[in-house]
Amino acid sequence: MRKVVNRLLYDTTQAKELGDVSARGVAKGDPAWEETKLYRTPKGRFFIAGKGNAHSRWGTLAGPNVWAAGEGIFPLTVDEAKHIAEQSLTAEQILKIWPDSFEAA
């Protein structure tokens, strides 16, 4: 999937997939189902890309009060990427992405 946002090209085939950040526990037939991955571009920018049903973050407005399944790409700041990663990825996955960004509790 590819999308230009603010004159920057985000491309899932050129970026490194960092992990699955989809909503957990939602069946594919559920209106909130989604499949979302976190990516980092070769230049170090973060984004999520995915697809989902009408009530997911990827749902699109198809008419007045009518939502449909959709797909897309959303660029993220580093802080937004860390926040999403903390919600969905394991500690090992997070430390592979940002090895020096977290301190022991």
C-alpha atoms as a PDB file:
ATOM      1  CA  MET A   1       0.000   0.000   0.000  1.00  0.00           C
ATOM      2  CA  ARG A   2       1.248   3.491  -0.796  1.00  0.00           C
ATOM      3  CA  LYS A   3       0.055   6.954   0.161  1.00  0.00           C
ATOM      4  CA  VAL A   4       1.443  10.473  -0.127  1.00  0.00           C
ATOM      5  CA  VAL A   5       0.938  12.616   2.990  1.00  0.00           C
ATOM      6  CA  ASN A   6       2.383  16.128   3.258  1.00  0.00           C
ATOM      7  CA  ARG A   7       4.536  15.476   0.167  1.00  0.00           C
ATOM      8  CA  LEU A   8       6.062  12.347   1.724  1.00  0.00           C
ATOM      9  CA  LEU A   9       5.534   8.891   0.215  1.00  0.00           C
ATOM     10  CA  TYR A  10       4.699   6.137   2.707  1.00  0.00           C
ATOM     11  CA  ASP A  11       5.056   2.676   1.157  1.00  0.00           C
ATOM     12  CA  THR A  12       4.555  -0.599   3.023  1.00  0.00           C
ATOM     13  CA  THR A  13       6.716  -2.463   0.501  1.00  0.00           C
ATOM     14  CA  GLN A  14       9.712  -0.213   1.197  1.00  0.00           C
ATOM     15  CA  ALA A  15       9.243   0.208   4.967  1.00  0.00           C
ATOM     16  CA  LYS A  16      10.139  -2.258   7.709  1.00  0.00           C
ATOM     17  CA  GLU A  17       7.162  -3.893   9.420  1.00  0.00           C
ATOM     18  CA  LEU A  18       7.677  -3.579  13.178  1.00  0.00           C
ATOM     19  CA  GLY A  19       4.653  -5.427  14.512  1.00  0.00           C
ATOM     20  CA  ASP A  20       0.938  -6.038  14.560  1.00  0.00           C
ATOM     21  CA  VAL A  21      -0.977  -3.285  16.377  1.00  0.00           C
ATOM     22  CA  SER A  22      -4.481  -4.449  15.452  1.00  0.00           C
ATOM     23  CA  ALA A  23      -7.343  -4.325  17.927  1.00  0.00           C
ATOM     24  CA  ARG A  24      -7.215  -7.553  19.939  1.00  0.00           C
ATOM     25  CA  GLY A  25     -10.067  -9.985  20.458  1.00  0.00           C
ATOM     26  CA  VAL A  26     -12.186  -8.785  17.550  1.00  0.00           C
ATOM     27  CA  ALA A  27     -13.449 -11.414  15.094  1.00  0.00           C
ATOM     28  CA  LYS A  28     -13.139 -10.737  11.361  1.00  0.00           C
ATOM     29  CA  GLY A  29     -16.921 -10.549  10.959  1.00  0.00           C
ATOM     30  CA  ASP A  30     -17.225  -7.918  13.709  1.00  0.00           C
ATOM     31  CA  PRO A  31     -17.824  -4.326  12.495  1.00  0.00           C
ATOM     32  CA  ALA A  32     -14.791  -3.198  14.545  1.00  0.00           C
ATOM     33  CA  TRP A  33     -12.368  -5.783  13.060  1.00  0.00           C
ATOM     34  CA  GLU A  34      -9.113  -4.423  11.694  1.00  0.00           C
ATOM     35  CA  GLU A  35      -5.658  -5.543  10.613  1.00  0.00           C
ATOM     36  CA  THR A  36      -3.072  -2.843  11.375  1.00  0.00           C
ATOM     37  CA  LYS A  37       0.735  -2.933  11.277  1.00  0.00           C
ATOM     38  CA  LEU A  38       3.335  -0.476  12.576  1.00  0.00           C
ATOM     39  CA  TYR A  39       6.087   0.459  10.101  1.00  0.00           C
ATOM     40  CA  ARG A  40       9.311   2.486   9.948  1.00  0.00           C
ATOM     41  CA  THR A  41      10.470   3.985   6.662  1.00  0.00           C
ATOM     42  CA  PRO A  42      14.105   3.756   5.510  1.00  0.00           C
ATOM     43  CA  LYS A  43      14.434   7.419   6.616  1.00  0.00           C
ATOM     44  CA  GLY A  44      13.156   6.623  10.122  1.00  0.00           C
ATOM     45  CA  ARG A  45       9.581   7.913   9.920  1.00  0.00           C
ATOM     46  CA  PHE A  46       6.834   5.860  11.561  1.00  0.00           C
ATOM     47  CA  PHE A  47       3.361   5.058  10.276  1.00  0.00           C
ATOM     48  CA  ILE A  48       0.540   2.571  10.629  1.00  0.00           C
ATOM     49  CA  ALA A  49      -1.120   0.917   7.660  1.00  0.00           C
ATOM     50  CA  GLY A  50      -4.062  -1.397   7.511  1.00  0.00           C
ATOM     51  CA  LYS A  51      -7.586  -2.257   6.592  1.00  0.00           C
ATOM     52  CA  GLY A  52     -10.735  -2.839   8.541  1.00  0.00           C
ATOM     53  CA  ASN A  53     -14.471  -2.999   8.751  1.00  0.00           C
ATOM     54  CA  ALA A  54     -16.837  -0.047   9.022  1.00  0.00           C
ATOM     55  CA  HIS A  55     -16.412   0.602  12.770  1.00  0.00           C
ATOM     56  CA  SER A  56     -12.633   0.216  12.836  1.00  0.00           C
ATOM     57  CA  ARG A  57     -10.121   3.064  12.621  1.00  0.00           C
ATOM     58  CA  TRP A  58     -10.089   2.354   8.855  1.00  0.00           C
ATOM     59  CA  GLY A  59     -13.833   2.741   8.312  1.00  0.00           C
ATOM     60  CA  THR A  60     -14.763   5.308   5.657  1.00  0.00           C
ATOM     61  CA  LEU A  61     -17.815   7.495   5.302  1.00  0.00           C
ATOM     62  CA  ALA A  62     -19.820   6.098   2.376  1.00  0.00           C
ATOM     63  CA  GLY A  63     -22.828   8.387   2.625  1.00  0.00           C
ATOM     64  CA  PRO A  64     -24.907  10.260   5.183  1.00  0.00           C
ATOM     65  CA  ASN A  65     -24.501   8.229   8.394  1.00  0.00           C
ATOM     66  CA  VAL A  66     -23.241   5.248   6.373  1.00  0.00           C
ATOM     67  CA  TRP A  67     -19.841   3.739   7.085  1.00  0.00           C
ATOM     68  CA  ALA A  68     -18.021   1.135   5.012  1.00  0.00           C
ATOM     69  CA  ALA A  69     -14.867  -0.936   5.289  1.00  0.00           C
ATOM     70  CA  GLY A  70     -11.690   0.834   4.284  1.00  0.00           C
ATOM     71  CA  GLU A  71      -7.926   0.931   4.358  1.00  0.00           C
ATOM     72  CA  GLY A  72      -5.243   3.513   4.759  1.00  0.00           C
ATOM     73  CA  ILE A  73      -1.961   4.846   6.050  1.00  0.00           C
ATOM     74  CA  PHE A  74      -1.509   7.263   8.978  1.00  0.00           C
ATOM     75  CA  PRO A  75       1.878   8.881   9.630  1.00  0.00           C
ATOM     76  CA  LEU A  76       2.936   8.987  13.303  1.00  0.00           C
ATOM     77  CA  THR A  77       5.309  11.018  15.415  1.00  0.00           C
ATOM     78  CA  VAL A  78       7.889   9.038  17.381  1.00  0.00           C
ATOM     79  CA  ASP A  79       5.846   9.565  20.563  1.00  0.00           C
ATOM     80  CA  GLU A  80       2.657   8.364  18.866  1.00  0.00           C
ATOM     81  CA  ALA A  81       4.486   5.292  17.529  1.00  0.00           C
ATOM     82  CA  LYS A  82       5.836   4.501  21.013  1.00  0.00           C
ATOM     83  CA  HIS A  83       2.366   4.887  22.533  1.00  0.00           C
ATOM     84  CA  ILE A  84       0.806   2.511  19.992  1.00  0.00           C
ATOM     85  CA  ALA A  85       3.687   0.050  20.416  1.00  0.00           C
ATOM     86  CA  GLU A  86       3.308   0.050  24.221  1.00  0.00           C
ATOM     87  CA  GLN A  87      -0.368  -0.883  23.827  1.00  0.00           C
ATOM     88  CA  SER A  88       0.139  -3.773  21.410  1.00  0.00           C
ATOM     89  CA  LEU A  89       3.711  -5.069  21.148  1.00  0.00           C
ATOM     90  CA  THR A  90       5.795  -7.154  23.521  1.00  0.00           C
ATOM     91  CA  ALA A  91       8.648  -5.623  25.531  1.00  0.00           C
ATOM     92  CA  GLU A  92      11.102  -7.499  23.306  1.00  0.00           C
ATOM     93  CA  GLN A  93       9.590  -6.032  20.141  1.00  0.00           C
ATOM     94  CA  ILE A  94       9.624  -2.508  21.594  1.00  0.00           C
ATOM     95  CA  LEU A  95      13.253  -2.768  22.726  1.00  0.00           C
ATOM     96  CA  LYS A  96      14.286  -3.930  19.231  1.00  0.00           C
ATOM     97  CA  ILE A  97      12.790  -0.727  17.807  1.00  0.00           C
ATOM     98  CA  TRP A  98      13.993   1.679  20.525  1.00  0.00           C
ATOM     99  CA  PRO A  99      16.819  -0.074  22.407  1.00  0.00           C
ATOM    100  CA  ASP A 100      17.915   2.998  24.398  1.00  0.00           C
ATOM    101  CA  SER A 101      14.602   4.780  24.961  1.00  0.00           C
ATOM    102  CA  PHE A 102      13.319   3.005  28.065  1.00  0.00           C
ATOM    103  CA  GLU A 103      14.799   2.675  31.515  1.00  0.00           C
ATOM    104  CA  ALA A 104      14.244  -0.057  34.079  1.00  0.00           C
ATOM    105  CA  ALA A 105      11.495   0.608  36.617  1.00  0.00           C
END
